[in-house]
Protein backbone atom coordinates (compact mmCIF):
# COMPACT_ATOMS: atom_id res chain seq x y z
CA MET A 1 -6.06 -19.35 -3.99
CA ASP A 2 -4.18 -17.64 -1.16
CA GLN A 3 -5.80 -14.23 -0.55
CA TRP A 4 -2.50 -12.53 0.31
CA THR A 5 -0.11 -13.94 -2.27
CA GLY A 6 -2.42 -14.80 -5.17
CA CYS A 7 -0.82 -18.23 -5.46
CA PRO A 8 -2.76 -21.48 -5.37
CA GLU A 9 -2.99 -23.15 -1.96
CA PRO A 10 -0.62 -26.10 -1.55
CA GLU A 11 -2.13 -29.39 -2.75
CA THR A 12 -0.38 -31.49 -0.14
CA SER A 13 1.01 -31.08 3.33
CA SER A 14 4.00 -33.35 2.62
CA ARG A 15 7.38 -31.82 1.99
CA PRO A 16 7.76 -31.16 -1.76
CA GLU A 17 10.72 -32.53 -3.68
CA VAL A 18 13.10 -29.74 -4.70
CA ASP A 19 16.04 -30.55 -6.98
CA VAL A 20 19.10 -28.52 -7.98
CA ALA A 21 17.29 -26.76 -10.86
CA ASP A 22 14.42 -25.84 -8.50
CA ARG A 23 16.91 -24.40 -6.00
CA MET A 24 18.53 -22.35 -8.76
CA LEU A 25 15.11 -21.11 -9.85
CA ILE A 26 14.19 -20.17 -6.26
CA SER A 27 17.49 -18.33 -5.85
CA LEU A 28 16.91 -16.34 -9.06
CA LEU A 29 13.35 -15.48 -7.97
CA ARG A 30 14.61 -14.28 -4.58
CA SER A 31 16.88 -11.78 -6.29
CA ASN A 32 14.29 -10.75 -8.92
CA ALA A 33 10.70 -11.93 -8.53
CA CYS A 34 9.78 -10.17 -11.80
CA ALA A 35 12.35 -12.03 -13.92
CA GLU A 36 11.03 -13.09 -17.30
CA THR A 37 10.65 -16.80 -17.97
CA HIS A 38 13.13 -16.73 -20.87
CA ASP A 39 15.78 -15.07 -18.62
CA LEU A 40 15.25 -17.71 -15.92
CA ALA A 41 15.41 -20.49 -18.52
CA SER A 42 18.68 -19.25 -20.03
CA ARG A 43 20.33 -18.88 -16.62
CA ILE A 44 19.29 -22.35 -15.45
CA GLY A 45 19.84 -24.07 -18.79
CA LEU A 46 16.25 -25.23 -19.27
CA SER A 47 13.58 -24.44 -21.84
CA ARG A 48 10.93 -21.81 -21.09
CA SER A 49 8.22 -24.47 -20.94
CA GLN A 50 10.25 -26.51 -18.42
CA VAL A 51 10.65 -23.40 -16.25
CA ARG A 52 6.89 -22.67 -16.43
CA VAL A 53 6.12 -26.27 -15.39
CA ARG A 54 8.55 -26.03 -12.48
CA LEU A 55 7.12 -22.66 -11.37
CA ARG A 56 3.57 -24.02 -11.40
CA ARG A 57 4.68 -27.08 -9.41
CA LEU A 58 6.54 -24.93 -6.87
CA GLU A 59 3.49 -22.66 -6.52
CA ARG A 60 1.04 -25.57 -6.14
CA SER A 61 3.26 -27.26 -3.55
CA GLY A 62 3.53 -24.05 -1.52
CA VAL A 63 7.30 -23.62 -1.98
CA VAL A 64 6.67 -20.39 -3.91
CA ARG A 65 3.92 -18.54 -2.05
CA GLY A 66 3.91 -15.31 -4.03
CA TYR A 67 5.85 -12.67 -5.89
CA HIS A 68 6.48 -9.42 -4.06
CA ALA A 69 7.64 -5.91 -4.87
CA ARG A 70 10.12 -4.21 -2.56
CA ILE A 71 9.01 -0.60 -2.32
CA SER A 72 11.33 2.17 -1.20
CA ALA A 73 10.08 3.83 1.98
CA ARG A 74 11.10 7.17 0.45
CA ALA A 75 8.79 6.60 -2.52
CA VAL A 76 5.85 5.89 -0.23
CA VAL A 77 6.13 8.99 1.96
CA GLU A 78 7.02 11.68 -0.59
CA GLY A 79 4.16 14.14 -1.01
CA CYS A 80 2.65 13.11 2.32
CA VAL A 81 0.20 15.35 4.17
CA LEU A 82 -1.61 15.29 7.47
CA ALA A 83 -5.29 15.97 6.98
CA PHE A 84 -7.20 17.17 10.00
CA VAL A 85 -10.85 16.27 9.46
CA ARG A 86 -13.92 17.52 11.35
CA PHE A 87 -17.30 16.18 10.23
CA THR A 88 -19.97 18.87 10.38
CA GLY A 89 -23.16 17.05 9.38
CA ASP A 90 -25.08 14.09 10.72
CA GLY A 91 -23.12 10.85 10.86
CA ARG A 92 -19.52 10.23 10.05
CA PRO A 93 -17.43 7.43 8.59
CA THR A 94 -15.37 5.23 10.89
CA ALA A 95 -11.58 5.20 11.01
CA GLY A 96 -11.78 1.89 9.12
CA ASP A 97 -13.81 3.53 6.34
CA LEU A 98 -11.24 6.31 6.05
CA SER A 99 -8.29 3.92 6.07
CA GLY A 100 -9.79 2.29 2.96
CA LEU A 101 -9.26 5.44 0.89
CA ALA A 102 -6.54 5.09 -1.75
CA GLY A 103 -3.32 6.72 -0.56
CA VAL A 104 -4.17 6.67 3.16
CA GLN A 105 -1.30 5.39 5.30
CA ARG A 106 -2.65 5.93 8.85
CA VAL A 107 -5.84 7.21 10.49
CA HIS A 108 -5.81 8.55 14.05
CA VAL A 109 -8.96 9.26 16.08
CA LEU A 110 -8.64 12.59 17.91
CA SER A 111 -10.32 13.81 21.07
CA SER A 112 -10.18 17.50 20.21
CA GLY A 113 -12.05 19.84 17.91
CA TRP A 114 -10.97 17.60 15.02
CA ASP A 115 -12.38 14.09 14.56
CA TYR A 116 -9.47 12.46 12.71
CA MET A 117 -5.89 13.05 11.68
CA ILE A 118 -5.17 11.20 8.45
CA GLU A 119 -1.64 10.63 7.14
CA ALA A 120 -2.00 10.20 3.41
CA ALA A 121 -0.45 10.82 0.03
CA GLU A 122 -1.07 14.36 -1.12
CA SER A 123 -2.82 12.92 -4.19
CA CYS A 124 -5.51 11.50 -1.89
CA PHE A 125 -6.66 15.08 -1.30
CA ALA A 126 -5.71 16.49 -4.73
CA ALA A 127 -9.32 17.45 -5.44
CA CYS A 128 -9.27 19.68 -2.34
CA GLY A 129 -8.10 23.00 -3.71
CA ALA A 130 -10.49 25.71 -2.53
CA PRO A 131 -11.09 27.11 1.00
CA GLY A 132 -14.16 26.03 3.00
CA GLY A 133 -15.94 22.75 3.81
CA GLY A 134 -16.22 19.68 1.63
CA THR A 135 -17.52 16.12 1.40
CA LEU A 136 -15.49 13.08 2.43
CA LEU A 137 -16.99 9.63 1.78
CA GLY A 138 -20.41 11.26 1.46
CA HIS A 139 -20.20 13.23 4.73
CA GLU A 140 -19.82 17.01 5.09
CA ALA A 141 -16.43 17.87 6.58
CA ASP A 142 -13.85 20.56 7.21
CA ILE A 143 -10.46 19.38 5.97
CA ALA A 144 -7.18 21.10 6.82
CA LEU A 145 -4.04 19.88 5.04
CA LEU A 146 -0.55 20.10 6.50
CA PRO A 147 2.57 18.94 4.59
CA VAL A 148 4.91 16.76 6.68
CA ALA A 149 8.57 15.79 6.56
CA HIS A 150 9.55 12.18 7.21
CA GLY A 151 12.67 10.63 8.62
CA ARG A 152 13.69 7.00 8.89
CA GLN A 153 10.96 4.36 9.01
CA GLY A 154 8.26 6.86 8.03
CA ALA A 155 8.22 8.67 11.39
CA THR A 156 7.06 12.26 11.24
CA THR A 157 10.03 14.50 12.03
CA GLY A 158 8.59 17.94 11.56
CA THR A 159 5.54 19.95 10.61
CA THR A 160 4.92 23.60 10.01
CA GLY A 161 1.80 25.63 10.71
CA GLU A 162 -1.21 25.04 12.89
CA PRO A 163 -4.40 23.34 11.70
CA SER A 164 -6.38 26.54 12.31
CA THR A 165 -4.19 28.43 9.80
CA LEU A 166 -4.15 25.77 7.11
CA LEU A 167 -5.86 25.47 3.77
CA ARG A 168 -9.45 24.27 4.00
CA SER A 169 -11.12 22.43 1.16
CA THR A 170 -14.52 22.52 -0.51
CA GLN A 171 -14.05 19.66 -2.95
CA THR A 172 -15.46 16.13 -2.79
CA ILE A 173 -13.10 13.23 -2.17
CA ARG A 174 -14.22 9.87 -3.50
């Protein structure tokens, strides 16, 4: 099973045979990877079971390597915040640990009074509602949240406020 696509690994390295119906099926999947089997079958003129057999064969041969969602960049960045994090106790998680949090898009290591700047969905820090320090991945931390605006390709185009004047949190995340 391919770890990235979830499809079975190809059984053979030889070039698979692809006929006209297979090409039609591939074309339909390119335009809508979530198409229902009965819709594919009616468009190609085959039965649902024939389409399922063809799909399995195309997956096993490596022609179809996965089914993907196309996500709008706007949907990903709405409600985005920058979280400035300073760990106050002994030990701290790594940038890799922090990047594993649900909703985290980027983690930057800082060489200032703050340890990390985390670009994340606001929901990632939804539990952080009260002023003060908190716990992040089991470590005591100060967390300052700053809403951001995004332009094309997710680049930050503007921020307001300074980290020292921002909301601090006392809630536990994860």
